[in-house]
Amino acid sequence: MKKLLFPTLILILSACTKPPVAAFKMDNECFIGDTVTITNSSDKAHSYIWELPSGELLNSKDITYIPTTSGTKDIKLTAFSKNLKEDNNITKSIKVKPLSGSVLFYLSTKSALSNTVVYFLETNKPIPVRLEIPPTCENSTGGALFLDIPDGTYEYFAGDNTYSWSGSVTVEKGQCHVIDLR
C-alpha cells in the first residue's frame, strides 16, 4: 500500500502545478534607433521565446530591441513550463516615433484669408478651406502638412491674393507643430 501511495501522491502534486504566466515590462514609446530594454517578469516559467516585429525569434530571459522604422510595433513573449507541455503568451505594443518632426499649417474660421498657399522648405502647398476645429497631424484634412523634417528652425512664407506673411518654426524629432496662419 505504501508503495502505491507515493507514486500517486507525486502524480497528484505534479497535476496541481500551475502553468506559466507570461509577463514583461518595457517603455510604451521610443524613437527610431533607441535601445529598448525589455524585462521579463513571467511567473512559473522556465524558458522563453520572444518574437520581434521583424519576425526574429530570441530565447533569452530579458532582451533589448532597437527599432529601425517608426510606427506601432508588437513584441510577443511566450513562456514555457519546465516540461514544455504548457505555455502562455502576451503581446505588447510600443510606439516608435520618427527622428524627424512635422509641421501642419491651417487657417481657422477667424481668418478672412482664402486661396492661401504655404511655402516651406522649397515646397508649396495650398490650404483649401478654413477650419472651425484645429486639425491634428493624424487628421490633417484641410491643412498643409509637411512630414519628415529634421530638427532645426525653418522659415515659412504664406500668402493669398491680398496678403502675405512669414515666420519661423522650430522642429523637434517626434513632434508635430500645428500653426494657425490667421
N, C-alpha and C. Protein backbone atom coordinates (compact mmCIF):
# COMPACT_ATOMS: atom_id res chain seq x y z
N MET A 1 0.82 -1.19 0.00
CA MET A 1 0.00 0.00 0.00
C MET A 1 0.86 1.25 0.00
N LYS A 2 1.94 1.23 0.79
CA LYS A 2 2.81 2.40 0.85
C LYS A 2 3.48 2.65 -0.50
N LYS A 3 3.83 1.60 -1.18
CA LYS A 3 4.49 1.76 -2.47
C LYS A 3 3.57 2.42 -3.50
N LEU A 4 2.31 2.14 -3.46
CA LEU A 4 1.35 2.70 -4.40
C LEU A 4 1.00 4.14 -4.04
N LEU A 5 0.98 4.46 -2.78
CA LEU A 5 0.62 5.79 -2.32
C LEU A 5 1.63 6.85 -2.76
N PHE A 6 2.91 6.58 -2.67
CA PHE A 6 3.95 7.57 -3.01
C PHE A 6 3.88 7.99 -4.49
N PRO A 7 3.85 7.08 -5.47
CA PRO A 7 3.74 7.50 -6.88
C PRO A 7 2.43 8.24 -7.16
N THR A 8 1.36 7.84 -6.52
CA THR A 8 0.07 8.51 -6.71
C THR A 8 0.15 9.94 -6.18
N LEU A 9 0.79 10.14 -5.06
CA LEU A 9 0.96 11.46 -4.47
C LEU A 9 1.79 12.35 -5.39
N ILE A 10 2.84 11.82 -5.96
CA ILE A 10 3.67 12.60 -6.91
C ILE A 10 2.84 12.99 -8.13
N LEU A 11 2.04 12.07 -8.64
CA LEU A 11 1.20 12.34 -9.79
C LEU A 11 0.19 13.43 -9.48
N ILE A 12 -0.42 13.37 -8.31
CA ILE A 12 -1.40 14.39 -7.91
C ILE A 12 -0.72 15.74 -7.76
N LEU A 13 0.42 15.81 -7.11
CA LEU A 13 1.13 17.06 -6.92
C LEU A 13 1.59 17.66 -8.26
N SER A 14 2.06 16.83 -9.17
CA SER A 14 2.51 17.36 -10.45
C SER A 14 1.32 17.85 -11.27
N ALA A 15 0.15 17.26 -11.09
CA ALA A 15 -1.03 17.72 -11.80
C ALA A 15 -1.51 19.05 -11.25
N CYS A 16 -1.13 19.40 -10.04
CA CYS A 16 -1.57 20.64 -9.41
C CYS A 16 -0.62 21.81 -9.69
N THR A 17 0.47 21.57 -10.38
CA THR A 17 1.39 22.68 -10.66
C THR A 17 0.69 23.68 -11.57
N LYS A 18 0.99 24.92 -11.35
CA LYS A 18 0.35 25.99 -12.11
C LYS A 18 1.10 26.23 -13.42
N PRO A 19 0.36 26.55 -14.47
CA PRO A 19 1.01 26.83 -15.75
C PRO A 19 1.75 28.17 -15.69
N PRO A 20 2.66 28.40 -16.62
CA PRO A 20 3.39 29.67 -16.62
C PRO A 20 2.46 30.83 -17.00
N VAL A 21 2.83 32.00 -16.53
CA VAL A 21 2.12 33.22 -16.89
C VAL A 21 3.15 34.18 -17.48
N ALA A 22 3.02 34.47 -18.77
CA ALA A 22 3.97 35.35 -19.45
C ALA A 22 3.69 36.80 -19.07
N ALA A 23 4.75 37.55 -18.80
CA ALA A 23 4.63 38.97 -18.46
C ALA A 23 5.97 39.64 -18.72
N PHE A 24 5.92 40.91 -19.16
CA PHE A 24 7.15 41.67 -19.31
C PHE A 24 6.87 43.16 -19.21
N LYS A 25 7.95 43.90 -18.99
CA LYS A 25 7.87 45.36 -18.84
C LYS A 25 8.78 46.01 -19.87
N MET A 26 8.28 47.11 -20.46
CA MET A 26 9.06 47.91 -21.39
C MET A 26 8.40 49.28 -21.50
N ASP A 27 9.14 50.26 -22.01
CA ASP A 27 8.56 51.57 -22.28
C ASP A 27 7.50 51.41 -23.36
N ASN A 28 6.50 52.31 -23.36
CA ASN A 28 5.48 52.22 -24.40
C ASN A 28 5.74 53.16 -25.57
N GLU A 29 6.82 53.95 -25.49
CA GLU A 29 7.21 54.85 -26.58
C GLU A 29 8.73 54.93 -26.66
N CYS A 30 9.24 55.16 -27.88
CA CYS A 30 10.66 55.39 -28.07
C CYS A 30 10.85 56.04 -29.44
N PHE A 31 12.09 56.38 -29.76
CA PHE A 31 12.43 56.91 -31.08
C PHE A 31 13.17 55.84 -31.87
N ILE A 32 13.15 55.97 -33.18
CA ILE A 32 13.93 55.08 -34.05
C ILE A 32 15.38 55.10 -33.55
N GLY A 33 15.98 53.92 -33.43
CA GLY A 33 17.38 53.82 -33.03
C GLY A 33 17.61 53.75 -31.53
N ASP A 34 16.59 54.02 -30.72
CA ASP A 34 16.74 53.88 -29.26
C ASP A 34 16.91 52.41 -28.90
N THR A 35 17.64 52.16 -27.83
CA THR A 35 17.73 50.80 -27.29
C THR A 35 16.65 50.64 -26.23
N VAL A 36 15.72 49.74 -26.48
CA VAL A 36 14.61 49.49 -25.56
C VAL A 36 14.95 48.23 -24.76
N THR A 37 15.03 48.36 -23.43
CA THR A 37 15.27 47.23 -22.55
C THR A 37 13.93 46.61 -22.19
N ILE A 38 13.82 45.31 -22.42
CA ILE A 38 12.58 44.59 -22.15
C ILE A 38 12.87 43.56 -21.06
N THR A 39 12.20 43.73 -19.92
CA THR A 39 12.45 42.91 -18.74
C THR A 39 11.34 41.89 -18.55
N ASN A 40 11.73 40.65 -18.53
CA ASN A 40 10.81 39.54 -18.37
C ASN A 40 10.38 39.46 -16.90
N SER A 41 9.08 39.40 -16.66
CA SER A 41 8.57 39.24 -15.29
C SER A 41 7.57 38.08 -15.22
N SER A 42 7.80 37.07 -16.06
CA SER A 42 6.92 35.90 -16.11
C SER A 42 6.97 35.12 -14.81
N ASP A 43 5.89 34.40 -14.53
CA ASP A 43 5.79 33.58 -13.31
C ASP A 43 5.67 32.10 -13.71
N LYS A 44 6.34 31.25 -12.99
CA LYS A 44 6.29 29.79 -13.20
C LYS A 44 6.82 29.38 -14.58
N ALA A 45 7.68 30.17 -15.17
CA ALA A 45 8.22 29.85 -16.50
C ALA A 45 9.68 29.43 -16.38
N HIS A 46 10.10 28.54 -17.28
CA HIS A 46 11.47 28.04 -17.27
C HIS A 46 12.22 28.32 -18.56
N SER A 47 11.48 28.61 -19.63
CA SER A 47 12.12 29.00 -20.88
C SER A 47 11.20 29.96 -21.62
N TYR A 48 11.79 30.68 -22.59
CA TYR A 48 11.07 31.79 -23.21
C TYR A 48 11.39 31.86 -24.70
N ILE A 49 10.43 32.37 -25.46
CA ILE A 49 10.67 32.74 -26.86
C ILE A 49 10.05 34.11 -27.07
N TRP A 50 10.87 35.03 -27.55
CA TRP A 50 10.42 36.37 -27.90
C TRP A 50 10.26 36.45 -29.41
N GLU A 51 9.23 37.11 -29.86
CA GLU A 51 9.07 37.39 -31.29
C GLU A 51 9.07 38.90 -31.49
N LEU A 52 10.08 39.37 -32.23
CA LEU A 52 10.22 40.80 -32.50
C LEU A 52 9.41 41.18 -33.74
N PRO A 53 9.15 42.47 -33.95
CA PRO A 53 8.37 42.90 -35.11
C PRO A 53 8.94 42.43 -36.46
N SER A 54 10.23 42.22 -36.54
CA SER A 54 10.86 41.75 -37.78
C SER A 54 10.63 40.27 -38.02
N GLY A 55 10.07 39.57 -37.02
CA GLY A 55 9.90 38.13 -37.11
C GLY A 55 11.04 37.35 -36.46
N GLU A 56 12.09 38.06 -36.05
CA GLU A 56 13.23 37.42 -35.39
C GLU A 56 12.78 36.80 -34.06
N LEU A 57 13.28 35.60 -33.77
CA LEU A 57 12.96 34.91 -32.53
C LEU A 57 14.19 34.87 -31.62
N LEU A 58 14.00 35.16 -30.33
CA LEU A 58 15.08 35.13 -29.35
C LEU A 58 14.64 34.26 -28.18
N ASN A 59 15.60 33.62 -27.49
CA ASN A 59 15.23 32.76 -26.37
C ASN A 59 15.91 33.15 -25.06
N SER A 60 16.27 34.39 -24.89
CA SER A 60 16.85 34.89 -23.64
C SER A 60 15.74 35.24 -22.66
N LYS A 61 16.10 35.36 -21.40
CA LYS A 61 15.09 35.77 -20.41
C LYS A 61 14.72 37.24 -20.63
N ASP A 62 15.70 38.12 -20.70
CA ASP A 62 15.48 39.55 -20.95
C ASP A 62 16.12 39.89 -22.29
N ILE A 63 15.59 40.88 -22.97
CA ILE A 63 16.12 41.25 -24.28
C ILE A 63 16.20 42.76 -24.44
N THR A 64 16.88 43.19 -25.49
CA THR A 64 16.84 44.59 -25.92
C THR A 64 16.35 44.60 -27.37
N TYR A 65 15.72 45.72 -27.74
CA TYR A 65 15.17 45.88 -29.08
C TYR A 65 15.55 47.27 -29.57
N ILE A 66 16.05 47.36 -30.79
CA ILE A 66 16.41 48.64 -31.40
C ILE A 66 15.58 48.79 -32.67
N PRO A 67 14.51 49.61 -32.63
CA PRO A 67 13.66 49.77 -33.80
C PRO A 67 14.34 50.58 -34.90
N THR A 68 14.06 50.20 -36.15
CA THR A 68 14.67 50.88 -37.30
C THR A 68 13.65 51.66 -38.12
N THR A 69 12.37 51.48 -37.83
CA THR A 69 11.32 52.23 -38.53
C THR A 69 10.30 52.72 -37.52
N SER A 70 9.57 53.76 -37.89
CA SER A 70 8.55 54.30 -36.99
C SER A 70 7.24 53.54 -37.14
N GLY A 71 6.34 53.75 -36.18
CA GLY A 71 5.04 53.11 -36.19
C GLY A 71 4.82 52.33 -34.91
N THR A 72 3.69 51.65 -34.83
CA THR A 72 3.38 50.83 -33.67
C THR A 72 3.92 49.42 -33.92
N LYS A 73 4.74 48.94 -33.01
CA LYS A 73 5.40 47.64 -33.15
C LYS A 73 4.94 46.70 -32.03
N ASP A 74 4.66 45.45 -32.41
CA ASP A 74 4.24 44.44 -31.43
C ASP A 74 5.41 43.54 -31.06
N ILE A 75 5.53 43.27 -29.76
CA ILE A 75 6.54 42.34 -29.25
C ILE A 75 5.80 41.26 -28.47
N LYS A 76 6.09 40.02 -28.80
CA LYS A 76 5.39 38.88 -28.20
C LYS A 76 6.36 38.03 -27.39
N LEU A 77 5.92 37.63 -26.21
CA LEU A 77 6.67 36.72 -25.35
C LEU A 77 5.83 35.47 -25.10
N THR A 78 6.43 34.31 -25.32
CA THR A 78 5.81 33.04 -24.96
C THR A 78 6.67 32.42 -23.86
N ALA A 79 6.03 32.10 -22.74
CA ALA A 79 6.71 31.49 -21.59
C ALA A 79 6.30 30.02 -21.51
N PHE A 80 7.27 29.15 -21.25
CA PHE A 80 7.04 27.70 -21.22
C PHE A 80 7.28 27.13 -19.83
N SER A 81 6.54 26.07 -19.51
CA SER A 81 6.76 25.33 -18.27
C SER A 81 8.05 24.52 -18.38
N LYS A 82 8.48 23.96 -17.26
CA LYS A 82 9.73 23.21 -17.24
C LYS A 82 9.70 22.02 -18.19
N ASN A 83 8.57 21.34 -18.28
CA ASN A 83 8.47 20.17 -19.15
C ASN A 83 8.02 20.53 -20.58
N LEU A 84 7.86 21.82 -20.84
CA LEU A 84 7.46 22.36 -22.16
C LEU A 84 6.07 21.92 -22.60
N LYS A 85 5.29 21.37 -21.68
CA LYS A 85 3.94 20.93 -22.04
C LYS A 85 2.92 22.06 -21.92
N GLU A 86 3.26 23.10 -21.18
CA GLU A 86 2.34 24.23 -21.02
C GLU A 86 3.06 25.52 -21.40
N ASP A 87 2.29 26.41 -22.00
CA ASP A 87 2.85 27.72 -22.34
C ASP A 87 1.77 28.79 -22.22
N ASN A 88 2.24 30.02 -22.21
CA ASN A 88 1.35 31.17 -22.13
C ASN A 88 2.06 32.30 -22.86
N ASN A 89 1.29 33.16 -23.55
CA ASN A 89 1.95 34.26 -24.25
C ASN A 89 1.24 35.58 -24.01
N ILE A 90 1.97 36.65 -24.26
CA ILE A 90 1.46 38.00 -24.14
C ILE A 90 2.11 38.84 -25.23
N THR A 91 1.35 39.77 -25.79
CA THR A 91 1.86 40.69 -26.80
C THR A 91 1.62 42.11 -26.31
N LYS A 92 2.65 42.95 -26.41
CA LYS A 92 2.53 44.37 -26.06
C LYS A 92 3.02 45.19 -27.24
N SER A 93 2.51 46.42 -27.30
CA SER A 93 2.89 47.32 -28.39
C SER A 93 3.74 48.46 -27.88
N ILE A 94 4.64 48.92 -28.75
CA ILE A 94 5.45 50.10 -28.46
C ILE A 94 5.32 51.05 -29.65
N LYS A 95 5.13 52.33 -29.34
CA LYS A 95 5.03 53.34 -30.39
C LYS A 95 6.43 53.88 -30.67
N VAL A 96 6.90 53.67 -31.89
CA VAL A 96 8.23 54.12 -32.29
C VAL A 96 8.06 55.42 -33.09
N LYS A 97 8.62 56.50 -32.54
CA LYS A 97 8.46 57.81 -33.18
C LYS A 97 9.64 58.09 -34.12
N PRO A 98 9.38 58.85 -35.17
CA PRO A 98 10.44 59.16 -36.13
C PRO A 98 11.48 60.11 -35.54
N LEU A 99 12.65 60.14 -36.16
CA LEU A 99 13.71 61.07 -35.74
C LEU A 99 13.48 62.47 -36.29
N SER A 100 12.42 62.63 -37.04
CA SER A 100 12.10 63.92 -37.63
C SER A 100 10.77 64.40 -37.07
N GLY A 101 10.44 65.64 -37.37
CA GLY A 101 9.19 66.21 -36.91
C GLY A 101 8.29 66.56 -38.08
N SER A 102 7.15 67.15 -37.76
CA SER A 102 6.17 67.54 -38.77
C SER A 102 5.65 68.93 -38.45
N VAL A 103 5.17 69.61 -39.50
CA VAL A 103 4.54 70.92 -39.33
C VAL A 103 3.26 70.91 -40.12
N LEU A 104 2.18 71.35 -39.49
CA LEU A 104 0.88 71.44 -40.13
C LEU A 104 0.39 72.89 -40.07
N PHE A 105 0.19 73.50 -41.23
CA PHE A 105 -0.33 74.86 -41.32
C PHE A 105 -1.82 74.77 -41.66
N TYR A 106 -2.61 75.66 -41.05
CA TYR A 106 -4.05 75.71 -41.38
C TYR A 106 -4.56 77.12 -41.17
N LEU A 107 -5.79 77.36 -41.63
CA LEU A 107 -6.48 78.63 -41.41
C LEU A 107 -7.73 78.38 -40.59
N SER A 108 -7.89 79.13 -39.50
CA SER A 108 -9.11 79.00 -38.70
C SER A 108 -10.21 79.84 -39.34
N THR A 109 -11.44 79.62 -38.90
CA THR A 109 -12.57 80.38 -39.44
C THR A 109 -12.47 81.85 -39.04
N LYS A 110 -11.61 82.19 -38.10
CA LYS A 110 -11.41 83.58 -37.70
C LYS A 110 -10.63 84.36 -38.75
N SER A 111 -10.06 83.66 -39.69
CA SER A 111 -9.25 84.29 -40.73
C SER A 111 -10.14 84.71 -41.90
N ALA A 112 -9.85 85.87 -42.46
CA ALA A 112 -10.59 86.35 -43.64
C ALA A 112 -9.90 85.92 -44.92
N LEU A 113 -8.79 85.21 -44.78
CA LEU A 113 -8.00 84.84 -45.94
C LEU A 113 -8.62 83.67 -46.69
N SER A 114 -8.32 83.60 -47.98
CA SER A 114 -8.75 82.45 -48.78
C SER A 114 -7.71 82.21 -49.85
N ASN A 115 -7.76 81.05 -50.49
CA ASN A 115 -6.79 80.70 -51.54
C ASN A 115 -5.35 80.86 -51.05
N THR A 116 -5.10 80.49 -49.83
CA THR A 116 -3.78 80.65 -49.23
C THR A 116 -2.86 79.50 -49.63
N VAL A 117 -1.60 79.86 -49.87
CA VAL A 117 -0.58 78.88 -50.19
C VAL A 117 0.57 79.08 -49.19
N VAL A 118 1.10 77.96 -48.67
CA VAL A 118 2.25 78.00 -47.75
C VAL A 118 3.48 77.56 -48.52
N TYR A 119 4.56 78.33 -48.38
CA TYR A 119 5.86 77.98 -48.97
C TYR A 119 6.78 77.60 -47.81
N PHE A 120 7.23 76.35 -47.83
CA PHE A 120 8.03 75.84 -46.72
C PHE A 120 8.99 74.81 -47.27
N LEU A 121 10.27 74.97 -46.96
CA LEU A 121 11.30 74.04 -47.40
C LEU A 121 11.25 73.80 -48.91
N GLU A 122 11.18 74.89 -49.66
CA GLU A 122 11.20 74.85 -51.12
C GLU A 122 10.02 74.09 -51.72
N THR A 123 8.94 73.97 -50.96
CA THR A 123 7.73 73.30 -51.44
C THR A 123 6.55 74.22 -51.14
N ASN A 124 5.57 74.24 -52.03
CA ASN A 124 4.37 74.99 -51.71
C ASN A 124 3.17 74.06 -51.68
N LYS A 125 2.28 74.34 -50.73
CA LYS A 125 1.06 73.54 -50.57
C LYS A 125 -0.09 74.49 -50.30
N PRO A 126 -1.24 74.25 -50.94
CA PRO A 126 -2.41 75.10 -50.68
C PRO A 126 -3.11 74.71 -49.39
N ILE A 127 -3.81 75.67 -48.82
CA ILE A 127 -4.70 75.41 -47.69
C ILE A 127 -6.10 75.59 -48.26
N PRO A 128 -6.81 74.50 -48.51
CA PRO A 128 -8.05 74.56 -49.28
C PRO A 128 -9.26 75.17 -48.57
N VAL A 129 -9.35 75.05 -47.25
CA VAL A 129 -10.53 75.53 -46.53
C VAL A 129 -10.14 76.14 -45.20
N ARG A 130 -11.07 76.92 -44.65
CA ARG A 130 -10.91 77.43 -43.29
C ARG A 130 -11.60 76.45 -42.34
N LEU A 131 -11.00 76.22 -41.19
CA LEU A 131 -11.49 75.18 -40.28
C LEU A 131 -11.98 75.76 -38.96
N GLU A 132 -13.09 75.22 -38.47
CA GLU A 132 -13.60 75.62 -37.16
C GLU A 132 -12.80 74.97 -36.04
N ILE A 133 -12.41 73.73 -36.26
CA ILE A 133 -11.64 72.98 -35.25
C ILE A 133 -10.23 72.77 -35.80
N PRO A 134 -9.21 73.08 -35.01
CA PRO A 134 -7.83 72.88 -35.50
C PRO A 134 -7.59 71.43 -35.88
N PRO A 135 -6.92 71.18 -36.99
CA PRO A 135 -6.61 69.81 -37.38
C PRO A 135 -5.48 69.25 -36.53
N THR A 136 -5.25 67.96 -36.65
CA THR A 136 -4.12 67.31 -35.99
C THR A 136 -3.26 66.67 -37.06
N CYS A 137 -2.07 66.28 -36.71
CA CYS A 137 -1.20 65.61 -37.68
C CYS A 137 -1.77 64.25 -38.07
N GLU A 138 -2.57 63.65 -37.20
CA GLU A 138 -3.21 62.38 -37.53
C GLU A 138 -4.39 62.58 -38.47
N ASN A 139 -5.04 63.75 -38.39
CA ASN A 139 -6.17 64.09 -39.27
C ASN A 139 -5.94 65.49 -39.80
N SER A 140 -5.15 65.59 -40.84
CA SER A 140 -4.71 66.90 -41.34
C SER A 140 -5.57 67.44 -42.47
N THR A 141 -6.74 66.87 -42.69
CA THR A 141 -7.63 67.32 -43.76
C THR A 141 -7.91 68.81 -43.61
N GLY A 142 -7.71 69.55 -44.68
CA GLY A 142 -7.95 70.99 -44.66
C GLY A 142 -6.72 71.82 -44.35
N GLY A 143 -5.61 71.15 -44.06
CA GLY A 143 -4.38 71.87 -43.76
C GLY A 143 -3.27 71.47 -44.72
N ALA A 144 -2.12 72.09 -44.57
CA ALA A 144 -0.94 71.78 -45.38
C ALA A 144 0.08 71.11 -44.46
N LEU A 145 0.25 69.79 -44.63
CA LEU A 145 1.10 69.00 -43.73
C LEU A 145 2.45 68.73 -44.39
N PHE A 146 3.52 69.03 -43.66
CA PHE A 146 4.89 68.76 -44.11
C PHE A 146 5.48 67.74 -43.14
N LEU A 147 5.95 66.61 -43.68
CA LEU A 147 6.42 65.48 -42.86
C LEU A 147 7.93 65.29 -42.96
N ASP A 148 8.47 64.55 -42.00
CA ASP A 148 9.86 64.09 -42.01
C ASP A 148 10.86 65.23 -42.14
N ILE A 149 10.70 66.23 -41.28
CA ILE A 149 11.58 67.39 -41.28
C ILE A 149 12.62 67.20 -40.18
N PRO A 150 13.91 67.27 -40.52
CA PRO A 150 14.95 67.14 -39.49
C PRO A 150 14.86 68.26 -38.45
N ASP A 151 15.39 68.00 -37.25
CA ASP A 151 15.42 69.03 -36.21
C ASP A 151 16.06 70.30 -36.74
N GLY A 152 15.50 71.43 -36.33
CA GLY A 152 16.06 72.72 -36.73
C GLY A 152 14.99 73.79 -36.76
N THR A 153 15.41 75.01 -37.03
CA THR A 153 14.48 76.13 -37.16
C THR A 153 14.40 76.52 -38.63
N TYR A 154 13.18 76.67 -39.13
CA TYR A 154 12.94 76.90 -40.55
C TYR A 154 12.01 78.09 -40.74
N GLU A 155 12.23 78.81 -41.83
CA GLU A 155 11.38 79.94 -42.20
C GLU A 155 10.23 79.43 -43.08
N TYR A 156 9.09 80.09 -42.96
CA TYR A 156 7.98 79.81 -43.87
C TYR A 156 7.40 81.12 -44.37
N PHE A 157 6.71 81.04 -45.48
CA PHE A 157 6.06 82.19 -46.10
C PHE A 157 4.68 81.73 -46.53
N ALA A 158 3.67 82.56 -46.31
CA ALA A 158 2.31 82.21 -46.73
C ALA A 158 1.68 83.45 -47.35
N GLY A 159 0.76 83.22 -48.26
CA GLY A 159 0.08 84.34 -48.88
C GLY A 159 -1.15 83.92 -49.65
N ASP A 160 -1.99 84.92 -49.93
CA ASP A 160 -3.13 84.71 -50.80
C ASP A 160 -3.11 85.84 -51.85
N ASN A 161 -4.22 86.15 -52.44
CA ASN A 161 -4.26 87.19 -53.48
C ASN A 161 -4.09 88.58 -52.91
N THR A 162 -4.24 88.76 -51.60
CA THR A 162 -4.19 90.09 -50.99
C THR A 162 -3.06 90.25 -49.99
N TYR A 163 -2.88 89.29 -49.13
CA TYR A 163 -1.93 89.40 -48.02
C TYR A 163 -0.80 88.38 -48.14
N SER A 164 0.30 88.71 -47.46
CA SER A 164 1.38 87.73 -47.32
C SER A 164 2.03 87.93 -45.96
N TRP A 165 2.62 86.92 -45.43
CA TRP A 165 3.30 87.00 -44.15
C TRP A 165 4.32 85.87 -44.06
N SER A 166 5.22 86.00 -43.08
CA SER A 166 6.25 84.98 -42.91
C SER A 166 6.50 84.76 -41.43
N GLY A 167 7.22 83.72 -41.13
CA GLY A 167 7.53 83.40 -39.76
C GLY A 167 8.54 82.27 -39.72
N SER A 168 8.77 81.75 -38.54
CA SER A 168 9.69 80.62 -38.40
C SER A 168 9.08 79.61 -37.43
N VAL A 169 9.54 78.37 -37.56
CA VAL A 169 9.08 77.30 -36.69
C VAL A 169 10.28 76.42 -36.35
N THR A 170 10.37 76.02 -35.08
CA THR A 170 11.42 75.11 -34.64
C THR A 170 10.86 73.69 -34.61
N VAL A 171 11.48 72.82 -35.38
CA VAL A 171 11.04 71.43 -35.50
C VAL A 171 11.89 70.56 -34.58
N GLU A 172 11.22 69.66 -33.84
CA GLU A 172 11.90 68.73 -32.95
C GLU A 172 11.46 67.32 -33.29
N LYS A 173 12.37 66.37 -33.15
CA LYS A 173 12.06 64.98 -33.50
C LYS A 173 10.84 64.48 -32.74
N GLY A 174 9.99 63.79 -33.47
CA GLY A 174 8.82 63.19 -32.87
C GLY A 174 7.68 64.14 -32.57
N GLN A 175 7.86 65.42 -32.85
CA GLN A 175 6.83 66.41 -32.55
C GLN A 175 6.11 66.87 -33.81
N CYS A 176 4.85 67.22 -33.66
CA CYS A 176 4.08 67.82 -34.75
C CYS A 176 3.67 69.21 -34.30
N HIS A 177 4.04 70.22 -35.05
CA HIS A 177 3.68 71.60 -34.73
C HIS A 177 2.52 72.02 -35.60
N VAL A 178 1.44 72.50 -34.98
CA VAL A 178 0.24 72.93 -35.70
C VAL A 178 0.19 74.45 -35.62
N ILE A 179 0.17 75.10 -36.79
CA ILE A 179 0.25 76.56 -36.85
C ILE A 179 -0.97 77.13 -37.56
N ASP A 180 -1.71 78.02 -36.88
CA ASP A 180 -2.84 78.73 -37.48
C ASP A 180 -2.29 79.98 -38.16
N LEU A 181 -2.53 80.13 -39.44
CA LEU A 181 -1.98 81.24 -40.21
C LEU A 181 -2.89 82.48 -40.22
N ARG A 182 -3.86 82.57 -39.34
CA ARG A 182 -4.77 83.73 -39.35
C ARG A 182 -4.06 85.02 -39.10
